[in-house]
Amino acid sequence: MITKRHFKWMLAIALTLAGLTFSATAQAAEVGSLNQYTAETPLIISHRGSPLQFPEHSFAGYNDAIQNGSKFIEQDVILAKDNHLVVSHDNNLKKNTGHNISVTNSTYGEIRKAPLSNGETIHTLGSIFNRYQQSTNYVVETKKTAKGGYLLETEIAASIKEHHVENNVVLQSFSLSSLKYLHNLLPNAPEMLVLSGDNSNANYLSKLLSQLPSYINIVAVYTPGVTTQDVQLIHMSNKKAVGYALDTDTELANGQASGLDGLFTDNTKLATGYFEK
């Protein structure tokens, strides 16, 4: 008979062989209160995994980020032709696979035939949840496409519930309507509105923030050109300010000086090490 203790060690061995090393008695991760994230102890999000060393959204990249201290890994999600939740930043997969394939016009079976540069298949959101479960947190972005309705949001919420990671997700989008729909499905999940570079300025923020609903907890801005005034405007609206993407010591220092509460980074090792100094 396999005892609970034996099962824990078998799980630890399996995860180690998969490229991860977790304690058999490790505590499950959870997002927790957003109040804990400040300029001194920021929310560090591994942007598409570790794209400087590994293919975007690959298990290898996520493993590397987690091993270097990440507690938040990002997923960009696009709805495939057969409604699978495909994790890819780009609708066209040529950059990451070398194949001119459109996610929205292809079934997942077709997409699987175009592997990433390291040989991994393009992953679904469910396969990522299956692999890491509650051992980490997920920052899930809805990549809005020409496909109408809110099927993307409905399927994402269903996958989150199916895999019991409701306490491990932050939902993000450039689309306010997408976040509104997700809030109805997952009312307790933190939500982050991402702004484009053109909109990451005080003039736009001053108009936007007064109209944002209270369930939008975080506003993410494109960091080049962002000032302390921009961050203060976000804070005055009782929301956390996150910047993207901060990949050098100088960028991390500027983000901290501006008062950012969190950041996306392509270099998790550098970012976690910077704030451990």
C-alpha atoms as a PDB file:
ATOM      1  CA  MET A   1       0.000   0.000   0.000  1.00  0.00           C
ATOM      2  CA  ILE A   2       1.257   3.498  -0.862  1.00  0.00           C
ATOM      3  CA  THR A   3       1.143   5.682   2.231  1.00  0.00           C
ATOM      4  CA  LYS A   4       0.606   9.444   2.176  1.00  0.00           C
ATOM      5  CA  ARG A   5       4.273   9.923   3.054  1.00  0.00           C
ATOM      6  CA  HIS A   6       5.393   7.688   0.175  1.00  0.00           C
ATOM      7  CA  PHE A   7       3.091   9.539  -2.194  1.00  0.00           C
ATOM      8  CA  LYS A   8       4.630  12.880  -1.252  1.00  0.00           C
ATOM      9  CA  TRP A   9       8.129  11.604  -1.944  1.00  0.00           C
ATOM     10  CA  MET A  10       7.052  10.016  -5.224  1.00  0.00           C
ATOM     11  CA  LEU A  11       5.567  13.374  -6.259  1.00  0.00           C
ATOM     12  CA  ALA A  12       8.770  15.205  -5.313  1.00  0.00           C
ATOM     13  CA  ILE A  13      10.858  12.757  -7.363  1.00  0.00           C
ATOM     14  CA  ALA A  14       8.551  13.131 -10.362  1.00  0.00           C
ATOM     15  CA  LEU A  15       8.764  16.920 -10.210  1.00  0.00           C
ATOM     16  CA  THR A  16      12.551  16.797  -9.884  1.00  0.00           C
ATOM     17  CA  LEU A  17      12.817  14.599 -12.961  1.00  0.00           C
ATOM     18  CA  ALA A  18      10.614  17.105 -14.798  1.00  0.00           C
ATOM     19  CA  GLY A  19      13.128  19.848 -14.100  1.00  0.00           C
ATOM     20  CA  LEU A  20      11.607  21.221 -10.890  1.00  0.00           C
ATOM     21  CA  THR A  21      12.769  20.778  -7.320  1.00  0.00           C
ATOM     22  CA  PHE A  22      10.140  21.169  -4.619  1.00  0.00           C
ATOM     23  CA  SER A  23      10.128  20.067  -1.023  1.00  0.00           C
ATOM     24  CA  ALA A  24       7.823  17.159  -0.319  1.00  0.00           C
ATOM     25  CA  THR A  25       6.242  19.288   2.381  1.00  0.00           C
ATOM     26  CA  ALA A  26       6.198  22.575   0.417  1.00  0.00           C
ATOM     27  CA  GLN A  27       3.292  24.877   1.056  1.00  0.00           C
ATOM     28  CA  ALA A  28       0.921  25.668  -1.783  1.00  0.00           C
ATOM     29  CA  ALA A  29       1.328  29.132  -3.269  1.00  0.00           C
ATOM     30  CA  GLU A  30      -1.418  31.732  -3.325  1.00  0.00           C
ATOM     31  CA  VAL A  31      -1.726  35.328  -4.493  1.00  0.00           C
ATOM     32  CA  GLY A  32      -2.737  36.599  -1.060  1.00  0.00           C
ATOM     33  CA  SER A  33      -3.388  40.227  -0.205  1.00  0.00           C
ATOM     34  CA  LEU A  34      -2.186  42.746  -2.768  1.00  0.00           C
ATOM     35  CA  ASN A  35      -1.217  45.029   0.119  1.00  0.00           C
ATOM     36  CA  GLN A  36       1.968  42.998   0.605  1.00  0.00           C
ATOM     37  CA  TYR A  37       3.349  44.195  -2.732  1.00  0.00           C
ATOM     38  CA  THR A  38       5.227  47.508  -2.606  1.00  0.00           C
ATOM     39  CA  ALA A  39       8.189  49.213  -4.264  1.00  0.00           C
ATOM     40  CA  GLU A  40      10.446  47.451  -1.733  1.00  0.00           C
ATOM     41  CA  THR A  41       8.747  44.041  -1.984  1.00  0.00           C
ATOM     42  CA  PRO A  42       7.213  44.053  -5.460  1.00  0.00           C
ATOM     43  CA  LEU A  43       5.019  41.583  -7.275  1.00  0.00           C
ATOM     44  CA  ILE A  44       7.520  40.013  -9.711  1.00  0.00           C
ATOM     45  CA  ILE A  45       5.923  38.382 -12.757  1.00  0.00           C
ATOM     46  CA  SER A  46       7.953  36.167 -15.061  1.00  0.00           C
ATOM     47  CA  HIS A  47       6.985  37.560 -18.466  1.00  0.00           C
ATOM     48  CA  ARG A  48       6.156  34.582 -20.733  1.00  0.00           C
ATOM     49  CA  GLY A  49       8.432  32.440 -18.567  1.00  0.00           C
ATOM     50  CA  SER A  50      12.125  33.006 -19.284  1.00  0.00           C
ATOM     51  CA  PRO A  51      12.140  34.191 -22.912  1.00  0.00           C
ATOM     52  CA  LEU A  52      15.777  35.330 -22.891  1.00  0.00           C
ATOM     53  CA  GLN A  53      16.933  31.705 -22.458  1.00  0.00           C
ATOM     54  CA  PHE A  54      14.002  29.516 -23.524  1.00  0.00           C
ATOM     55  CA  PRO A  55      11.011  29.609 -25.884  1.00  0.00           C
ATOM     56  CA  GLU A  56       8.103  31.743 -24.700  1.00  0.00           C
ATOM     57  CA  HIS A  57       5.565  29.919 -22.519  1.00  0.00           C
ATOM     58  CA  SER A  58       7.595  26.698 -22.506  1.00  0.00           C
ATOM     59  CA  PHE A  59       7.854  24.377 -19.531  1.00  0.00           C
ATOM     60  CA  ALA A  60      11.632  24.875 -19.701  1.00  0.00           C
ATOM     61  CA  GLY A  61      11.149  28.632 -19.368  1.00  0.00           C
ATOM     62  CA  TYR A  62       8.657  28.337 -16.534  1.00  0.00           C
ATOM     63  CA  ASN A  63      10.901  25.841 -14.724  1.00  0.00           C
ATOM     64  CA  ASP A  64      13.826  28.255 -15.008  1.00  0.00           C
ATOM     65  CA  ALA A  65      11.755  31.157 -13.687  1.00  0.00           C
ATOM     66  CA  ILE A  66      10.481  29.159 -10.715  1.00  0.00           C
ATOM     67  CA  GLN A  67      13.953  27.859  -9.881  1.00  0.00           C
ATOM     68  CA  ASN A  68      15.140  31.492  -9.873  1.00  0.00           C
ATOM     69  CA  GLY A  69      12.544  32.539  -7.316  1.00  0.00           C
ATOM     70  CA  SER A  70       9.455  33.387  -9.356  1.00  0.00           C
ATOM     71  CA  LYS A  71       6.092  33.071  -7.646  1.00  0.00           C
ATOM     72  CA  PHE A  72       4.108  34.383 -10.632  1.00  0.00           C
ATOM     73  CA  ILE A  73       4.329  33.013 -14.183  1.00  0.00           C
ATOM     74  CA  GLU A  74       2.461  34.601 -17.087  1.00  0.00           C
ATOM     75  CA  GLN A  75       0.223  32.991 -19.718  1.00  0.00           C
ATOM     76  CA  ASP A  76      -1.110  34.741 -22.829  1.00  0.00           C
ATOM     77  CA  VAL A  77      -4.194  32.811 -23.937  1.00  0.00           C
ATOM     78  CA  ILE A  78      -5.756  32.610 -27.401  1.00  0.00           C
ATOM     79  CA  LEU A  79      -8.800  30.547 -28.358  1.00  0.00           C
ATOM     80  CA  ALA A  80      -8.061  28.004 -31.081  1.00  0.00           C
ATOM     81  CA  LYS A  81     -10.495  27.064 -33.848  1.00  0.00           C
ATOM     82  CA  ASP A  82     -11.728  24.094 -31.799  1.00  0.00           C
ATOM     83  CA  ASN A  83     -11.937  26.217 -28.602  1.00  0.00           C
ATOM     84  CA  HIS A  84      -8.778  24.913 -26.947  1.00  0.00           C
ATOM     85  CA  LEU A  85      -7.048  27.511 -24.757  1.00  0.00           C
ATOM     86  CA  VAL A  86      -3.674  27.901 -26.474  1.00  0.00           C
ATOM     87  CA  VAL A  87      -0.901  29.673 -24.573  1.00  0.00           C
ATOM     88  CA  SER A  88       0.862  31.970 -27.023  1.00  0.00           C
ATOM     89  CA  HIS A  89       1.509  35.694 -27.163  1.00  0.00           C
ATOM     90  CA  ASP A  90       1.186  35.820 -30.940  1.00  0.00           C
ATOM     91  CA  ASN A  91      -1.733  34.534 -32.956  1.00  0.00           C
ATOM     92  CA  ASN A  92       0.721  33.643 -35.715  1.00  0.00           C
ATOM     93  CA  LEU A  93       3.209  31.026 -34.487  1.00  0.00           C
ATOM     94  CA  LYS A  94       6.012  31.693 -36.978  1.00  0.00           C
ATOM     95  CA  LYS A  95       8.239  33.567 -34.506  1.00  0.00           C
ATOM     96  CA  ASN A  96       8.298  30.741 -31.970  1.00  0.00           C
ATOM     97  CA  THR A  97       7.897  27.668 -34.159  1.00  0.00           C
ATOM     98  CA  GLY A  98       9.038  28.656 -37.642  1.00  0.00           C
ATOM     99  CA  HIS A  99       5.632  27.624 -38.999  1.00  0.00           C
ATOM    100  CA  ASN A 100       3.180  30.116 -40.479  1.00  0.00           C
ATOM    101  CA  ILE A 101       0.187  28.921 -38.463  1.00  0.00           C
ATOM    102  CA  SER A 102      -2.661  31.021 -37.057  1.00  0.00           C
ATOM    103  CA  VAL A 103      -3.983  29.868 -33.685  1.00  0.00           C
ATOM    104  CA  THR A 104      -7.504  31.125 -34.273  1.00  0.00           C
ATOM    105  CA  ASN A 105      -7.730  29.408 -37.668  1.00  0.00           C
ATOM    106  CA  SER A 106      -6.275  26.069 -36.530  1.00  0.00           C
ATOM    107  CA  THR A 107      -7.304  23.186 -34.314  1.00  0.00           C
ATOM    108  CA  TYR A 108      -5.084  22.275 -31.394  1.00  0.00           C
ATOM    109  CA  GLY A 109      -4.258  19.029 -33.173  1.00  0.00           C
ATOM    110  CA  GLU A 110      -2.829  21.088 -36.033  1.00  0.00           C
ATOM    111  CA  ILE A 111      -1.025  23.453 -33.668  1.00  0.00           C
ATOM    112  CA  ARG A 112       0.659  20.550 -31.849  1.00  0.00           C
ATOM    113  CA  LYS A 113       2.423  19.602 -35.084  1.00  0.00           C
ATOM    114  CA  ALA A 114       4.428  22.857 -34.918  1.00  0.00           C
ATOM    115  CA  PRO A 115       6.750  22.433 -31.905  1.00  0.00           C
ATOM    116  CA  LEU A 116       8.654  25.156 -30.146  1.00  0.00           C
ATOM    117  CA  SER A 117      12.351  25.521 -30.892  1.00  0.00           C
ATOM    118  CA  ASN A 118      13.265  23.257 -27.949  1.00  0.00           C
ATOM    119  CA  GLY A 119      10.936  20.488 -29.129  1.00  0.00           C
ATOM    120  CA  GLU A 120       8.088  21.148 -26.708  1.00  0.00           C
ATOM    121  CA  THR A 121       4.581  21.376 -28.067  1.00  0.00           C
ATOM    122  CA  ILE A 122       2.656  24.620 -27.763  1.00  0.00           C
ATOM    123  CA  HIS A 123       0.870  24.229 -24.444  1.00  0.00           C
ATOM    124  CA  THR A 124      -2.725  24.701 -23.423  1.00  0.00           C
ATOM    125  CA  LEU A 125      -3.684  26.562 -20.277  1.00  0.00           C
ATOM    126  CA  GLY A 126      -4.956  23.313 -18.790  1.00  0.00           C
ATOM    127  CA  SER A 127      -1.646  21.525 -19.391  1.00  0.00           C
ATOM    128  CA  ILE A 128       0.201  24.303 -17.545  1.00  0.00           C
ATOM    129  CA  PHE A 129      -2.248  24.126 -14.637  1.00  0.00           C
ATOM    130  CA  ASN A 130      -1.834  20.333 -14.604  1.00  0.00           C
ATOM    131  CA  ARG A 131       1.929  20.594 -14.430  1.00  0.00           C
ATOM    132  CA  TYR A 132       2.363  23.248 -11.733  1.00  0.00           C
ATOM    133  CA  GLN A 133      -1.000  23.000  -9.949  1.00  0.00           C
ATOM    134  CA  GLN A 134      -1.016  25.132  -6.780  1.00  0.00           C
ATOM    135  CA  SER A 135       2.771  25.296  -6.454  1.00  0.00           C
ATOM    136  CA  THR A 136       2.917  28.710  -8.167  1.00  0.00           C
ATOM    137  CA  ASN A 137       0.672  31.605  -9.183  1.00  0.00           C
ATOM    138  CA  TYR A 138      -0.533  32.410 -12.691  1.00  0.00           C
ATOM    139  CA  VAL A 139      -1.022  35.754 -14.422  1.00  0.00           C
ATOM    140  CA  VAL A 140      -3.476  34.912 -17.187  1.00  0.00           C
ATOM    141  CA  GLU A 141      -4.053  37.333 -20.049  1.00  0.00           C
ATOM    142  CA  THR A 142      -6.984  37.219 -22.442  1.00  0.00           C
ATOM    143  CA  LYS A 143      -5.698  37.836 -25.957  1.00  0.00           C
ATOM    144  CA  LYS A 144      -8.799  39.164 -27.672  1.00  0.00           C
ATOM    145  CA  THR A 145      -9.238  38.037 -31.267  1.00  0.00           C
ATOM    146  CA  ALA A 146     -11.812  38.393 -34.012  1.00  0.00           C
ATOM    147  CA  LYS A 147     -13.806  35.555 -32.478  1.00  0.00           C
ATOM    148  CA  GLY A 148     -16.979  37.095 -31.110  1.00  0.00           C
ATOM    149  CA  GLY A 149     -18.598  36.823 -27.719  1.00  0.00           C
ATOM    150  CA  TYR A 150     -16.928  35.879 -24.469  1.00  0.00           C
ATOM    151  CA  LEU A 151     -16.158  32.226 -25.119  1.00  0.00           C
ATOM    152  CA  LEU A 152     -12.466  32.849 -24.371  1.00  0.00           C
ATOM    153  CA  GLU A 153     -13.282  34.237 -20.926  1.00  0.00           C
ATOM    154  CA  THR A 154     -15.829  31.496 -20.230  1.00  0.00           C
ATOM    155  CA  GLU A 155     -13.337  28.756 -21.079  1.00  0.00           C
ATOM    156  CA  ILE A 156     -10.550  30.361 -19.040  1.00  0.00           C
ATOM    157  CA  ALA A 157     -12.779  30.630 -15.967  1.00  0.00           C
ATOM    158  CA  ALA A 158     -13.904  27.026 -16.401  1.00  0.00           C
ATOM    159  CA  SER A 159     -10.296  25.805 -16.626  1.00  0.00           C
ATOM    160  CA  ILE A 160      -9.312  27.759 -13.513  1.00  0.00           C
ATOM    161  CA  LYS A 161     -12.178  26.205 -11.563  1.00  0.00           C
ATOM    162  CA  GLU A 162     -11.553  22.720 -12.949  1.00  0.00           C
ATOM    163  CA  HIS A 163      -7.935  22.813 -11.785  1.00  0.00           C
ATOM    164  CA  HIS A 164      -8.755  24.423  -8.411  1.00  0.00           C
ATOM    165  CA  VAL A 165      -6.377  27.355  -8.841  1.00  0.00           C
ATOM    166  CA  GLU A 166      -8.863  30.116  -8.008  1.00  0.00           C
ATOM    167  CA  ASN A 167      -6.523  31.366  -5.254  1.00  0.00           C
ATOM    168  CA  ASN A 168      -3.529  31.257  -7.586  1.00  0.00           C
ATOM    169  CA  VAL A 169      -4.552  33.556 -10.421  1.00  0.00           C
ATOM    170  CA  VAL A 170      -4.364  37.196 -11.386  1.00  0.00           C
ATOM    171  CA  LEU A 171      -6.472  37.977 -14.464  1.00  0.00           C
ATOM    172  CA  GLN A 172      -5.162  40.551 -16.929  1.00  0.00           C
ATOM    173  CA  SER A 173      -6.193  42.102 -20.221  1.00  0.00           C
ATOM    174  CA  PHE A 174      -5.907  45.204 -22.372  1.00  0.00           C
ATOM    175  CA  SER A 175      -9.703  44.890 -22.671  1.00  0.00           C
ATOM    176  CA  LEU A 176     -11.840  46.364 -19.910  1.00  0.00           C
ATOM    177  CA  SER A 177     -14.919  44.508 -21.182  1.00  0.00           C
ATOM    178  CA  SER A 178     -13.009  41.228 -20.974  1.00  0.00           C
ATOM    179  CA  LEU A 179     -12.096  41.901 -17.345  1.00  0.00           C
ATOM    180  CA  LYS A 180     -15.677  42.860 -16.550  1.00  0.00           C
ATOM    181  CA  TYR A 181     -16.931  39.566 -17.934  1.00  0.00           C
ATOM    182  CA  LEU A 182     -14.275  37.603 -16.052  1.00  0.00           C
ATOM    183  CA  HIS A 183     -15.183  39.390 -12.820  1.00  0.00           C
ATOM    184  CA  ASN A 184     -18.706  38.042 -13.109  1.00  0.00           C
ATOM    185  CA  LEU A 185     -17.303  34.519 -13.393  1.00  0.00           C
ATOM    186  CA  LEU A 186     -14.478  34.813 -10.846  1.00  0.00           C
ATOM    187  CA  PRO A 187     -15.425  37.706  -8.540  1.00  0.00           C
ATOM    188  CA  ASN A 188     -12.626  37.065  -6.019  1.00  0.00           C
ATOM    189  CA  ALA A 189      -9.736  36.989  -8.492  1.00  0.00           C
ATOM    190  CA  PRO A 190      -7.509  40.116  -8.649  1.00  0.00           C
ATOM    191  CA  GLU A 191      -7.677  41.854 -12.012  1.00  0.00           C
ATOM    192  CA  MET A 192      -5.092  43.911 -13.880  1.00  0.00           C
ATOM    193  CA  LEU A 193      -5.800  46.336 -16.708  1.00  0.00           C
ATOM    194  CA  VAL A 194      -2.810  46.608 -19.038  1.00  0.00           C
ATOM    195  CA  LEU A 195      -2.232  49.909 -20.834  1.00  0.00           C
ATOM    196  CA  SER A 196      -0.423  50.359 -24.122  1.00  0.00           C
ATOM    197  CA  GLY A 197       2.651  52.543 -24.383  1.00  0.00           C
ATOM    198  CA  ASP A 198       0.607  55.369 -25.907  1.00  0.00           C
ATOM    199  CA  ASN A 199      -1.751  55.343 -22.920  1.00  0.00           C
ATOM    200  CA  SER A 200       0.896  55.036 -20.203  1.00  0.00           C
ATOM    201  CA  ASN A 201       0.949  58.730 -19.294  1.00  0.00           C
ATOM    202  CA  ALA A 202      -0.576  61.101 -16.764  1.00  0.00           C
ATOM    203  CA  ASN A 203      -3.077  62.686 -19.165  1.00  0.00           C
ATOM    204  CA  TYR A 204      -4.660  59.374 -20.066  1.00  0.00           C
ATOM    205  CA  LEU A 205      -4.433  57.984 -16.539  1.00  0.00           C
ATOM    206  CA  SER A 206      -6.177  60.975 -14.991  1.00  0.00           C
ATOM    207  CA  LYS A 207      -9.183  60.397 -17.263  1.00  0.00           C
ATOM    208  CA  LEU A 208      -9.176  56.608 -17.008  1.00  0.00           C
ATOM    209  CA  LEU A 209      -8.736  56.033 -13.303  1.00  0.00           C
ATOM    210  CA  SER A 210     -11.863  57.906 -12.222  1.00  0.00           C
ATOM    211  CA  GLN A 211     -13.911  55.564 -14.405  1.00  0.00           C
ATOM    212  CA  LEU A 212     -12.342  52.237 -13.472  1.00  0.00           C
ATOM    213  CA  PRO A 213     -14.475  49.890 -11.363  1.00  0.00           C
ATOM    214  CA  SER A 214     -13.183  48.916  -7.950  1.00  0.00           C
ATOM    215  CA  TYR A 215     -12.616  45.287  -8.980  1.00  0.00           C
ATOM    216  CA  ILE A 216      -9.744  46.417 -11.218  1.00  0.00           C
ATOM    217  CA  ASN A 217      -7.051  46.113  -8.562  1.00  0.00           C
ATOM    218  CA  ILE A 218      -3.934  46.709 -10.652  1.00  0.00           C
ATOM    219  CA  VAL A 219      -2.988  48.976 -13.547  1.00  0.00           C
ATOM    220  CA  ALA A 220       0.005  47.922 -15.648  1.00  0.00           C
ATOM    221  CA  VAL A 221       1.905  50.606 -17.564  1.00  0.00           C
ATOM    222  CA  TYR A 222       4.641  50.491 -20.172  1.00  0.00           C
ATOM    223  CA  THR A 223       7.649  51.674 -18.207  1.00  0.00           C
ATOM    224  CA  PRO A 224       9.651  53.797 -20.691  1.00  0.00           C
ATOM    225  CA  GLY A 225       8.605  57.346 -19.871  1.00  0.00           C
ATOM    226  CA  VAL A 226       6.550  56.452 -16.792  1.00  0.00           C
ATOM    227  CA  THR A 227       7.079  58.929 -13.959  1.00  0.00           C
ATOM    228  CA  THR A 228       6.524  59.011 -10.228  1.00  0.00           C
ATOM    229  CA  GLN A 229       3.495  61.222 -10.932  1.00  0.00           C
ATOM    230  CA  ASP A 230       1.926  58.464 -13.057  1.00  0.00           C
ATOM    231  CA  VAL A 231       2.401  55.928 -10.285  1.00  0.00           C
ATOM    232  CA  GLN A 232       1.024  58.328  -7.683  1.00  0.00           C
ATOM    233  CA  LEU A 233      -2.134  58.796  -9.769  1.00  0.00           C
ATOM    234  CA  ILE A 234      -2.652  55.035  -9.761  1.00  0.00           C
ATOM    235  CA  HIS A 235      -2.077  54.858  -6.010  1.00  0.00           C
ATOM    236  CA  MET A 236      -4.530  57.703  -5.390  1.00  0.00           C
ATOM    237  CA  SER A 237      -7.177  55.504  -7.030  1.00  0.00           C
ATOM    238  CA  ASN A 238      -6.402  52.749  -4.498  1.00  0.00           C
ATOM    239  CA  LYS A 239      -4.861  50.518  -7.134  1.00  0.00           C
ATOM    240  CA  LYS A 240      -1.481  48.882  -7.444  1.00  0.00           C
ATOM    241  CA  ALA A 241       0.925  50.016 -10.170  1.00  0.00           C
ATOM    242  CA  VAL A 242       2.841  47.451 -12.219  1.00  0.00           C
ATOM    243  CA  GLY A 243       5.377  48.153 -14.972  1.00  0.00           C
ATOM    244  CA  TYR A 244       6.430  46.145 -18.006  1.00  0.00           C
ATOM    245  CA  ALA A 245       9.038  44.988 -18.823  1.00  0.00           C
ATOM    246  CA  LEU A 246      12.009  45.617 -16.502  1.00  0.00           C
ATOM    247  CA  ASP A 247      15.074  43.606 -17.508  1.00  0.00           C
ATOM    248  CA  THR A 248      18.172  45.529 -16.377  1.00  0.00           C
ATOM    249  CA  ASP A 249      19.492  46.903 -13.087  1.00  0.00           C
ATOM    250  CA  THR A 250      18.834  50.423 -14.341  1.00  0.00           C
ATOM    251  CA  GLU A 251      15.238  49.639 -15.274  1.00  0.00           C
ATOM    252  CA  LEU A 252      14.640  47.923 -11.927  1.00  0.00           C
ATOM    253  CA  ALA A 253      16.131  50.877 -10.045  1.00  0.00           C
ATOM    254  CA  ASN A 254      14.011  53.364 -12.001  1.00  0.00           C
ATOM    255  CA  GLY A 255      10.880  51.297 -11.411  1.00  0.00           C
ATOM    256  CA  GLN A 256      11.558  51.136  -7.702  1.00  0.00           C
ATOM    257  CA  ALA A 257      12.268  54.873  -7.536  1.00  0.00           C
ATOM    258  CA  SER A 258       8.980  55.567  -9.332  1.00  0.00           C
ATOM    259  CA  GLY A 259       7.120  53.588  -6.667  1.00  0.00           C
ATOM    260  CA  LEU A 260       5.959  50.661  -8.797  1.00  0.00           C
ATOM    261  CA  ASP A 261       4.388  47.876  -6.727  1.00  0.00           C
ATOM    262  CA  GLY A 262       5.186  45.193  -9.256  1.00  0.00           C
ATOM    263  CA  LEU A 263       6.830  44.403 -12.550  1.00  0.00           C
ATOM    264  CA  PHE A 264       6.982  42.055 -15.471  1.00  0.00           C
ATOM    265  CA  THR A 265      10.470  40.823 -16.284  1.00  0.00           C
ATOM    266  CA  ASP A 266      12.156  38.622 -18.876  1.00  0.00           C
ATOM    267  CA  ASN A 267      15.026  38.110 -16.420  1.00  0.00           C
ATOM    268  CA  THR A 268      13.608  36.615 -13.239  1.00  0.00           C
ATOM    269  CA  LYS A 269      17.006  35.790 -11.741  1.00  0.00           C
ATOM    270  CA  LEU A 270      18.149  39.407 -12.026  1.00  0.00           C
ATOM    271  CA  ALA A 271      14.868  40.823 -10.688  1.00  0.00           C
ATOM    272  CA  THR A 272      14.551  38.522  -7.678  1.00  0.00           C
ATOM    273  CA  GLY A 273      18.209  39.044  -6.849  1.00  0.00           C
ATOM    274  CA  TYR A 274      17.884  42.819  -7.089  1.00  0.00           C
ATOM    275  CA  PHE A 275      15.156  42.960  -4.455  1.00  0.00           C
ATOM    276  CA  GLU A 276      16.931  40.519  -2.156  1.00  0.00           C
ATOM    277  CA  LYS A 277      19.896  42.888  -1.792  1.00  0.00           C
END
